[in-house]
Amino acid sequence: MRESAASRPFIILTPGAAALQEAEAVFLMWPFHSADPAAGVVETIRRHAHRVVFLSSGAVRDGLAPEQHPHLVGQSHAWVEQLIKQSGLAWTHLRPSTFAANTLWWADQIRAGDVVQGAYGAVPMTLLHEADIAAVAVSALTEQDHDGAAYDLTGPEVITQAEQVRTIGEVLGRPLRWQELPREAARQRLSADDSFPDSFVDPLLDGYADMLAAPRPTTTSTVEAITGTPARTYHAWVSDHAAEFR
């Protein structure tokens, strides 16, 4: 049997087999809307490492084939999950809810004034602090108890986009508020933002529309169960990133 992952290095994967030398475990992210290149990536990992921890997506649903997922994010991550399961690697899949860091999209608006414009302000989310994702990932990379598990990760609260803006205002000491835009106006705003990928504008808005129509999301206690520490609130995340909104 191989020595434990805790006694050997793990890495964040970069392209090329050279990055995998001496690695026992790999943390794999997939920031693409297609799984086409994934087979080669997974095979490269299989040739060098023993374990992979995959940052998947909360859009992935058990019981659905990859092609049955309604949106690109769920489809692409479900395909990668399937490839990893078929590879023979020990694996853990992390399925995070919405990243709290996504709200940095509003930083320019907040620096310019007290109003954040967007569509679907009533969408409820269970925002997740990136530090909590990292803590769970470290456990999965260094402990064998998580092999074969798919973890749904959420923050500790359900909070709408409009409430997120008010929370930022509370931390900054400013009266920030949400201004609802029609979908097409929001689409034009996102399309005009050079920092926002055009290919993700419609998938994002489609996802928000579906989230608004779906049952209210629920939180999980998975972060605390794995790390021993409760998941951080959105208020805590904003406090950690306040300088980026000023």
C-alpha atoms as a PDB file:
ATOM      1  CA  MET A   1       0.000   0.000   0.000  1.00  0.00           C
ATOM      2  CA  ARG A   2       1.215   3.534  -0.733  1.00  0.00           C
ATOM      3  CA  GLU A   3       2.184   5.838   2.072  1.00  0.00           C
ATOM      4  CA  SER A   4      -0.563   8.248   3.126  1.00  0.00           C
ATOM      5  CA  ALA A   5      -1.199  11.445   1.180  1.00  0.00           C
ATOM      6  CA  ALA A   6      -0.458  13.411   4.325  1.00  0.00           C
ATOM      7  CA  SER A   7       3.202  12.367   4.100  1.00  0.00           C
ATOM      8  CA  ARG A   8       3.631  13.239   0.440  1.00  0.00           C
ATOM      9  CA  PRO A   9       2.977  16.426  -1.552  1.00  0.00           C
ATOM     10  CA  PHE A  10      -0.246  17.355  -3.240  1.00  0.00           C
ATOM     11  CA  ILE A  11      -0.530  20.027  -5.927  1.00  0.00           C
ATOM     12  CA  ILE A  12      -2.868  22.321  -7.748  1.00  0.00           C
ATOM     13  CA  LEU A  13      -2.791  21.030 -11.304  1.00  0.00           C
ATOM     14  CA  THR A  14      -1.267  23.086 -14.089  1.00  0.00           C
ATOM     15  CA  PRO A  15      -1.066  21.768 -17.651  1.00  0.00           C
ATOM     16  CA  GLY A  16       1.656  19.247 -18.337  1.00  0.00           C
ATOM     17  CA  ALA A  17       2.853  16.084 -16.672  1.00  0.00           C
ATOM     18  CA  ALA A  18       5.938  17.794 -15.230  1.00  0.00           C
ATOM     19  CA  ALA A  19       3.753  19.496 -12.631  1.00  0.00           C
ATOM     20  CA  LEU A  20       2.704  16.080 -11.322  1.00  0.00           C
ATOM     21  CA  GLN A  21       6.134  14.709 -10.490  1.00  0.00           C
ATOM     22  CA  GLU A  22       6.217  13.292  -6.941  1.00  0.00           C
ATOM     23  CA  ALA A  23       2.568  14.216  -6.366  1.00  0.00           C
ATOM     24  CA  GLU A  24       0.353  11.795  -4.482  1.00  0.00           C
ATOM     25  CA  ALA A  25      -2.860  13.827  -4.666  1.00  0.00           C
ATOM     26  CA  VAL A  26      -4.155  16.483  -7.049  1.00  0.00           C
ATOM     27  CA  PHE A  27      -6.675  19.290  -6.567  1.00  0.00           C
ATOM     28  CA  LEU A  28      -8.400  19.782  -9.913  1.00  0.00           C
ATOM     29  CA  MET A  29     -10.456  22.796 -10.943  1.00  0.00           C
ATOM     30  CA  TRP A  30     -12.426  22.959 -14.189  1.00  0.00           C
ATOM     31  CA  PRO A  31     -13.231  26.575 -15.190  1.00  0.00           C
ATOM     32  CA  PHE A  32     -14.610  25.629 -18.602  1.00  0.00           C
ATOM     33  CA  HIS A  33     -18.081  25.115 -20.054  1.00  0.00           C
ATOM     34  CA  SER A  34     -16.947  22.082 -22.023  1.00  0.00           C
ATOM     35  CA  ALA A  35     -15.475  18.822 -20.782  1.00  0.00           C
ATOM     36  CA  ASP A  36     -13.810  18.058 -24.125  1.00  0.00           C
ATOM     37  CA  PRO A  37     -10.163  18.313 -22.926  1.00  0.00           C
ATOM     38  CA  ALA A  38     -10.872  16.597 -19.606  1.00  0.00           C
ATOM     39  CA  ALA A  39     -10.161  13.017 -20.684  1.00  0.00           C
ATOM     40  CA  GLY A  40      -6.521  13.814 -21.386  1.00  0.00           C
ATOM     41  CA  VAL A  41      -6.163  15.751 -18.137  1.00  0.00           C
ATOM     42  CA  VAL A  42      -7.641  12.952 -16.046  1.00  0.00           C
ATOM     43  CA  GLU A  43      -5.473  10.350 -17.790  1.00  0.00           C
ATOM     44  CA  THR A  44      -2.356  12.412 -17.059  1.00  0.00           C
ATOM     45  CA  ILE A  45      -3.319  12.598 -13.403  1.00  0.00           C
ATOM     46  CA  ARG A  46      -3.962   8.843 -13.323  1.00  0.00           C
ATOM     47  CA  ARG A  47      -0.466   8.087 -14.629  1.00  0.00           C
ATOM     48  CA  HIS A  48       1.217  10.083 -11.866  1.00  0.00           C
ATOM     49  CA  ALA A  49      -0.994  10.436  -8.802  1.00  0.00           C
ATOM     50  CA  HIS A  50      -3.203   8.269  -6.623  1.00  0.00           C
ATOM     51  CA  ARG A  51      -5.964  10.638  -5.521  1.00  0.00           C
ATOM     52  CA  VAL A  52      -7.839  13.556  -7.093  1.00  0.00           C
ATOM     53  CA  VAL A  53     -10.055  16.065  -5.329  1.00  0.00           C
ATOM     54  CA  PHE A  54     -12.256  17.752  -7.916  1.00  0.00           C
ATOM     55  CA  LEU A  55     -13.826  21.155  -7.405  1.00  0.00           C
ATOM     56  CA  SER A  56     -17.073  20.323  -9.156  1.00  0.00           C
ATOM     57  CA  SER A  57     -20.286  22.353  -9.000  1.00  0.00           C
ATOM     58  CA  GLY A  58     -23.438  22.496  -6.933  1.00  0.00           C
ATOM     59  CA  ALA A  59     -25.262  22.318 -10.267  1.00  0.00           C
ATOM     60  CA  VAL A  60     -24.386  18.615 -10.558  1.00  0.00           C
ATOM     61  CA  ARG A  61     -27.242  16.307  -9.579  1.00  0.00           C
ATOM     62  CA  ASP A  62     -26.964  12.638  -8.673  1.00  0.00           C
ATOM     63  CA  GLY A  63     -29.142  10.384 -10.797  1.00  0.00           C
ATOM     64  CA  LEU A  64     -28.793  12.526 -13.933  1.00  0.00           C
ATOM     65  CA  ALA A  65     -26.500  11.627 -16.815  1.00  0.00           C
ATOM     66  CA  PRO A  66     -24.182  14.511 -17.741  1.00  0.00           C
ATOM     67  CA  GLU A  67     -26.162  15.329 -20.879  1.00  0.00           C
ATOM     68  CA  GLN A  68     -29.390  15.492 -18.867  1.00  0.00           C
ATOM     69  CA  HIS A  69     -28.225  18.462 -16.811  1.00  0.00           C
ATOM     70  CA  PRO A  70     -30.062  21.560 -18.045  1.00  0.00           C
ATOM     71  CA  HIS A  71     -27.158  24.037 -17.923  1.00  0.00           C
ATOM     72  CA  LEU A  72     -23.601  24.081 -19.219  1.00  0.00           C
ATOM     73  CA  VAL A  73     -21.979  24.365 -15.788  1.00  0.00           C
ATOM     74  CA  GLY A  74     -23.738  21.251 -14.525  1.00  0.00           C
ATOM     75  CA  GLN A  75     -23.114  19.364 -17.755  1.00  0.00           C
ATOM     76  CA  SER A  76     -19.395  20.040 -17.967  1.00  0.00           C
ATOM     77  CA  HIS A  77     -18.715  19.267 -14.321  1.00  0.00           C
ATOM     78  CA  ALA A  78     -20.859  16.119 -14.430  1.00  0.00           C
ATOM     79  CA  TRP A  79     -18.822  14.870 -17.393  1.00  0.00           C
ATOM     80  CA  VAL A  80     -15.559  15.479 -15.543  1.00  0.00           C
ATOM     81  CA  GLU A  81     -16.930  13.744 -12.444  1.00  0.00           C
ATOM     82  CA  GLN A  82     -17.819  10.737 -14.601  1.00  0.00           C
ATOM     83  CA  LEU A  83     -14.367  10.599 -16.192  1.00  0.00           C
ATOM     84  CA  ILE A  84     -12.738  10.702 -12.764  1.00  0.00           C
ATOM     85  CA  LYS A  85     -14.971   7.906 -11.440  1.00  0.00           C
ATOM     86  CA  GLN A  86     -14.064   5.743 -14.431  1.00  0.00           C
ATOM     87  CA  SER A  87     -10.318   6.423 -14.132  1.00  0.00           C
ATOM     88  CA  GLY A  88      -9.500   4.147 -11.215  1.00  0.00           C
ATOM     89  CA  LEU A  89      -8.237   7.076  -9.144  1.00  0.00           C
ATOM     90  CA  ALA A  90      -9.301   7.548  -5.546  1.00  0.00           C
ATOM     91  CA  TRP A  91     -11.570  10.585  -5.730  1.00  0.00           C
ATOM     92  CA  THR A  92     -13.575  13.144  -3.809  1.00  0.00           C
ATOM     93  CA  HIS A  93     -15.945  15.580  -5.489  1.00  0.00           C
ATOM     94  CA  LEU A  94     -16.633  18.954  -3.897  1.00  0.00           C
ATOM     95  CA  ARG A  95     -19.895  20.517  -5.090  1.00  0.00           C
ATOM     96  CA  PRO A  96     -19.917  24.100  -3.817  1.00  0.00           C
ATOM     97  CA  SER A  97     -22.892  26.411  -3.810  1.00  0.00           C
ATOM     98  CA  THR A  98     -22.470  29.933  -5.190  1.00  0.00           C
ATOM     99  CA  PHE A  99     -19.067  31.437  -4.424  1.00  0.00           C
ATOM    100  CA  ALA A 100     -19.254  34.504  -2.202  1.00  0.00           C
ATOM    101  CA  ALA A 101     -16.386  35.862  -4.318  1.00  0.00           C
ATOM    102  CA  ASN A 102     -18.790  36.221  -7.246  1.00  0.00           C
ATOM    103  CA  THR A 103     -20.147  39.359  -5.579  1.00  0.00           C
ATOM    104  CA  LEU A 104     -16.880  41.093  -6.373  1.00  0.00           C
ATOM    105  CA  TRP A 105     -18.557  41.632  -9.759  1.00  0.00           C
ATOM    106  CA  TRP A 106     -20.282  44.555  -8.051  1.00  0.00           C
ATOM    107  CA  ALA A 107     -17.112  46.234  -6.771  1.00  0.00           C
ATOM    108  CA  ASP A 108     -16.921  48.850  -9.537  1.00  0.00           C
ATOM    109  CA  GLN A 109     -20.559  49.860  -9.016  1.00  0.00           C
ATOM    110  CA  ILE A 110     -20.080  50.096  -5.260  1.00  0.00           C
ATOM    111  CA  ARG A 111     -16.956  52.206  -5.585  1.00  0.00           C
ATOM    112  CA  ALA A 112     -18.880  54.522  -7.922  1.00  0.00           C
ATOM    113  CA  GLY A 113     -22.039  54.947  -5.847  1.00  0.00           C
ATOM    114  CA  ASP A 114     -24.579  53.497  -3.455  1.00  0.00           C
ATOM    115  CA  VAL A 115     -26.668  51.511  -5.965  1.00  0.00           C
ATOM    116  CA  VAL A 116     -25.991  48.075  -7.446  1.00  0.00           C
ATOM    117  CA  GLN A 117     -27.948  47.340 -10.609  1.00  0.00           C
ATOM    118  CA  GLY A 118     -28.761  43.845 -11.758  1.00  0.00           C
ATOM    119  CA  ALA A 119     -31.439  41.278 -12.534  1.00  0.00           C
ATOM    120  CA  TYR A 120     -33.040  38.720 -10.227  1.00  0.00           C
ATOM    121  CA  GLY A 121     -32.320  40.489  -6.961  1.00  0.00           C
ATOM    122  CA  ALA A 122     -34.700  38.136  -5.146  1.00  0.00           C
ATOM    123  CA  VAL A 123     -32.665  35.050  -6.046  1.00  0.00           C
ATOM    124  CA  PRO A 124     -31.797  33.219  -2.799  1.00  0.00           C
ATOM    125  CA  MET A 125     -28.313  31.754  -2.443  1.00  0.00           C
ATOM    126  CA  THR A 126     -26.214  29.893   0.111  1.00  0.00           C
ATOM    127  CA  LEU A 127     -22.985  31.802  -0.475  1.00  0.00           C
ATOM    128  CA  LEU A 128     -19.780  29.970   0.353  1.00  0.00           C
ATOM    129  CA  HIS A 129     -16.493  31.462   1.589  1.00  0.00           C
ATOM    130  CA  GLU A 130     -13.490  30.276  -0.416  1.00  0.00           C
ATOM    131  CA  ALA A 131     -11.606  29.578   2.830  1.00  0.00           C
ATOM    132  CA  ASP A 132     -14.213  26.955   3.717  1.00  0.00           C
ATOM    133  CA  ILE A 133     -13.811  25.298   0.331  1.00  0.00           C
ATOM    134  CA  ALA A 134     -10.050  25.248   0.860  1.00  0.00           C
ATOM    135  CA  ALA A 135     -10.365  23.738   4.340  1.00  0.00           C
ATOM    136  CA  VAL A 136     -12.558  20.901   3.060  1.00  0.00           C
ATOM    137  CA  ALA A 137     -10.216  20.356   0.102  1.00  0.00           C
ATOM    138  CA  VAL A 138      -7.189  20.019   2.375  1.00  0.00           C
ATOM    139  CA  SER A 139      -8.978  17.375   4.430  1.00  0.00           C
ATOM    140  CA  ALA A 140      -9.951  15.474   1.285  1.00  0.00           C
ATOM    141  CA  LEU A 141      -6.419  15.691  -0.099  1.00  0.00           C
ATOM    142  CA  THR A 142      -4.696  14.479   3.044  1.00  0.00           C
ATOM    143  CA  GLU A 143      -7.162  11.971   4.526  1.00  0.00           C
ATOM    144  CA  GLN A 144      -8.439   8.718   3.048  1.00  0.00           C
ATOM    145  CA  ASP A 145     -11.786   8.911   4.838  1.00  0.00           C
ATOM    146  CA  HIS A 146     -13.228  11.011   2.000  1.00  0.00           C
ATOM    147  CA  ASP A 147     -12.554   8.649  -0.899  1.00  0.00           C
ATOM    148  CA  GLY A 148     -15.639   8.123  -3.054  1.00  0.00           C
ATOM    149  CA  ALA A 149     -17.595  10.981  -1.481  1.00  0.00           C
ATOM    150  CA  ALA A 150     -19.430  13.803  -3.253  1.00  0.00           C
ATOM    151  CA  TYR A 151     -19.893  16.694  -0.832  1.00  0.00           C
ATOM    152  CA  ASP A 152     -22.509  19.417  -1.206  1.00  0.00           C
ATOM    153  CA  LEU A 153     -20.940  22.523   0.339  1.00  0.00           C
ATOM    154  CA  THR A 154     -22.905  25.620   1.324  1.00  0.00           C
ATOM    155  CA  GLY A 155     -22.601  28.620   3.541  1.00  0.00           C
ATOM    156  CA  PRO A 156     -24.639  28.730   6.764  1.00  0.00           C
ATOM    157  CA  GLU A 157     -27.465  30.998   5.559  1.00  0.00           C
ATOM    158  CA  VAL A 158     -29.798  31.701   2.653  1.00  0.00           C
ATOM    159  CA  ILE A 159     -29.395  35.274   1.420  1.00  0.00           C
ATOM    160  CA  THR A 160     -30.784  37.028  -1.672  1.00  0.00           C
ATOM    161  CA  GLN A 161     -28.767  39.229  -3.994  1.00  0.00           C
ATOM    162  CA  ALA A 162     -30.517  42.329  -2.640  1.00  0.00           C
ATOM    163  CA  GLU A 163     -29.654  41.237   0.917  1.00  0.00           C
ATOM    164  CA  GLN A 164     -26.061  40.646  -0.127  1.00  0.00           C
ATOM    165  CA  VAL A 165     -25.797  44.258  -1.271  1.00  0.00           C
ATOM    166  CA  ARG A 166     -27.219  45.481   2.036  1.00  0.00           C
ATOM    167  CA  THR A 167     -24.709  43.318   3.900  1.00  0.00           C
ATOM    168  CA  ILE A 168     -21.831  44.877   1.988  1.00  0.00           C
ATOM    169  CA  GLY A 169     -23.228  48.277   2.937  1.00  0.00           C
ATOM    170  CA  GLU A 170     -23.366  47.291   6.622  1.00  0.00           C
ATOM    171  CA  VAL A 171     -19.712  46.288   6.585  1.00  0.00           C
ATOM    172  CA  LEU A 172     -18.648  49.413   4.686  1.00  0.00           C
ATOM    173  CA  GLY A 173     -20.895  51.708   6.746  1.00  0.00           C
ATOM    174  CA  ARG A 174     -22.779  52.875   3.655  1.00  0.00           C
ATOM    175  CA  PRO A 175     -26.489  52.759   2.650  1.00  0.00           C
ATOM    176  CA  LEU A 176     -26.099  50.439  -0.326  1.00  0.00           C
ATOM    177  CA  ARG A 177     -29.217  49.204  -2.114  1.00  0.00           C
ATOM    178  CA  TRP A 178     -30.175  46.940  -4.997  1.00  0.00           C
ATOM    179  CA  GLN A 179     -31.859  48.342  -8.129  1.00  0.00           C
ATOM    180  CA  GLU A 180     -33.675  45.724 -10.189  1.00  0.00           C
ATOM    181  CA  LEU A 181     -33.067  45.759 -13.948  1.00  0.00           C
ATOM    182  CA  PRO A 182     -35.031  43.956 -16.652  1.00  0.00           C
ATOM    183  CA  ARG A 183     -33.169  40.917 -17.894  1.00  0.00           C
ATOM    184  CA  GLU A 184     -32.193  42.466 -21.223  1.00  0.00           C
ATOM    185  CA  ALA A 185     -30.801  45.571 -19.541  1.00  0.00           C
ATOM    186  CA  ALA A 186     -28.788  43.380 -17.172  1.00  0.00           C
ATOM    187  CA  ARG A 187     -27.588  41.342 -20.120  1.00  0.00           C
ATOM    188  CA  GLN A 188     -26.371  44.456 -21.907  1.00  0.00           C
ATOM    189  CA  ARG A 189     -24.603  45.653 -18.783  1.00  0.00           C
ATOM    190  CA  LEU A 190     -22.752  42.348 -18.351  1.00  0.00           C
ATOM    191  CA  SER A 191     -21.912  42.155 -22.060  1.00  0.00           C
ATOM    192  CA  ALA A 192     -20.351  45.614 -21.899  1.00  0.00           C
ATOM    193  CA  ASP A 193     -18.124  44.576 -18.986  1.00  0.00           C
ATOM    194  CA  ASP A 194     -14.738  43.639 -20.469  1.00  0.00           C
ATOM    195  CA  SER A 195     -13.876  41.627 -17.368  1.00  0.00           C
ATOM    196  CA  PHE A 196     -16.940  39.386 -17.716  1.00  0.00           C
ATOM    197  CA  PRO A 197     -16.804  36.543 -20.299  1.00  0.00           C
ATOM    198  CA  ASP A 198     -19.429  37.013 -22.993  1.00  0.00           C
ATOM    199  CA  SER A 199     -20.015  33.267 -23.208  1.00  0.00           C
ATOM    200  CA  PHE A 200     -21.177  33.195 -19.585  1.00  0.00           C
ATOM    201  CA  VAL A 201     -23.695  36.063 -19.691  1.00  0.00           C
ATOM    202  CA  ASP A 202     -26.718  34.048 -20.818  1.00  0.00           C
ATOM    203  CA  PRO A 203     -25.860  30.909 -18.798  1.00  0.00           C
ATOM    204  CA  LEU A 204     -25.585  33.094 -15.684  1.00  0.00           C
ATOM    205  CA  LEU A 205     -28.923  34.834 -16.239  1.00  0.00           C
ATOM    206  CA  ASP A 206     -30.601  31.547 -17.192  1.00  0.00           C
ATOM    207  CA  GLY A 207     -29.268  30.032 -13.995  1.00  0.00           C
ATOM    208  CA  TYR A 208     -30.593  32.910 -11.907  1.00  0.00           C
ATOM    209  CA  ALA A 209     -34.022  32.594 -13.517  1.00  0.00           C
ATOM    210  CA  ASP A 210     -34.115  28.897 -12.690  1.00  0.00           C
ATOM    211  CA  MET A 211     -32.913  29.500  -9.127  1.00  0.00           C
ATOM    212  CA  LEU A 212     -35.689  32.035  -8.614  1.00  0.00           C
ATOM    213  CA  ALA A 213     -38.298  29.565  -9.856  1.00  0.00           C
ATOM    214  CA  ALA A 214     -36.904  26.625  -7.875  1.00  0.00           C
ATOM    215  CA  PRO A 215     -37.665  25.765  -4.244  1.00  0.00           C
ATOM    216  CA  ARG A 216     -35.725  27.845  -1.733  1.00  0.00           C
ATOM    217  CA  PRO A 217     -32.250  26.336  -1.273  1.00  0.00           C
ATOM    218  CA  THR A 218     -31.244  24.642   1.945  1.00  0.00           C
ATOM    219  CA  THR A 219     -27.954  24.782   3.783  1.00  0.00           C
ATOM    220  CA  THR A 220     -25.751  21.822   4.646  1.00  0.00           C
ATOM    221  CA  SER A 221     -23.548  21.212   7.690  1.00  0.00           C
ATOM    222  CA  THR A 222     -20.862  19.506   5.605  1.00  0.00           C
ATOM    223  CA  VAL A 223     -18.187  22.162   6.141  1.00  0.00           C
ATOM    224  CA  GLU A 224     -18.482  21.872   9.907  1.00  0.00           C
ATOM    225  CA  ALA A 225     -18.718  18.087   9.823  1.00  0.00           C
ATOM    226  CA  ILE A 226     -15.438  17.807   7.901  1.00  0.00           C
ATOM    227  CA  THR A 227     -13.416  20.700   9.338  1.00  0.00           C
ATOM    228  CA  GLY A 228     -14.864  20.977  12.854  1.00  0.00           C
ATOM    229  CA  THR A 229     -15.599  24.673  12.265  1.00  0.00           C
ATOM    230  CA  PRO A 230     -18.950  26.150  11.141  1.00  0.00           C
ATOM    231  CA  ALA A 231     -19.076  27.610   7.648  1.00  0.00           C
ATOM    232  CA  ARG A 232     -18.398  31.346   7.561  1.00  0.00           C
ATOM    233  CA  THR A 233     -21.262  33.787   7.029  1.00  0.00           C
ATOM    234  CA  TYR A 234     -21.464  36.172   4.096  1.00  0.00           C
ATOM    235  CA  HIS A 235     -20.950  39.048   6.554  1.00  0.00           C
ATOM    236  CA  ALA A 236     -17.636  37.437   7.542  1.00  0.00           C
ATOM    237  CA  TRP A 237     -16.661  37.085   3.894  1.00  0.00           C
ATOM    238  CA  VAL A 238     -17.391  40.752   3.192  1.00  0.00           C
ATOM    239  CA  SER A 239     -15.365  41.760   6.256  1.00  0.00           C
ATOM    240  CA  ASP A 240     -12.427  39.742   4.897  1.00  0.00           C
ATOM    241  CA  HIS A 241     -12.727  41.477   1.478  1.00  0.00           C
ATOM    242  CA  ALA A 242     -13.918  44.955   2.455  1.00  0.00           C
ATOM    243  CA  ALA A 243     -10.874  46.654   0.954  1.00  0.00           C
ATOM    244  CA  GLU A 244     -11.813  45.337  -2.480  1.00  0.00           C
ATOM    245  CA  PHE A 245     -15.104  47.276  -2.388  1.00  0.00           C
ATOM    246  CA  ARG A 246     -13.595  50.574  -1.262  1.00  0.00           C
END
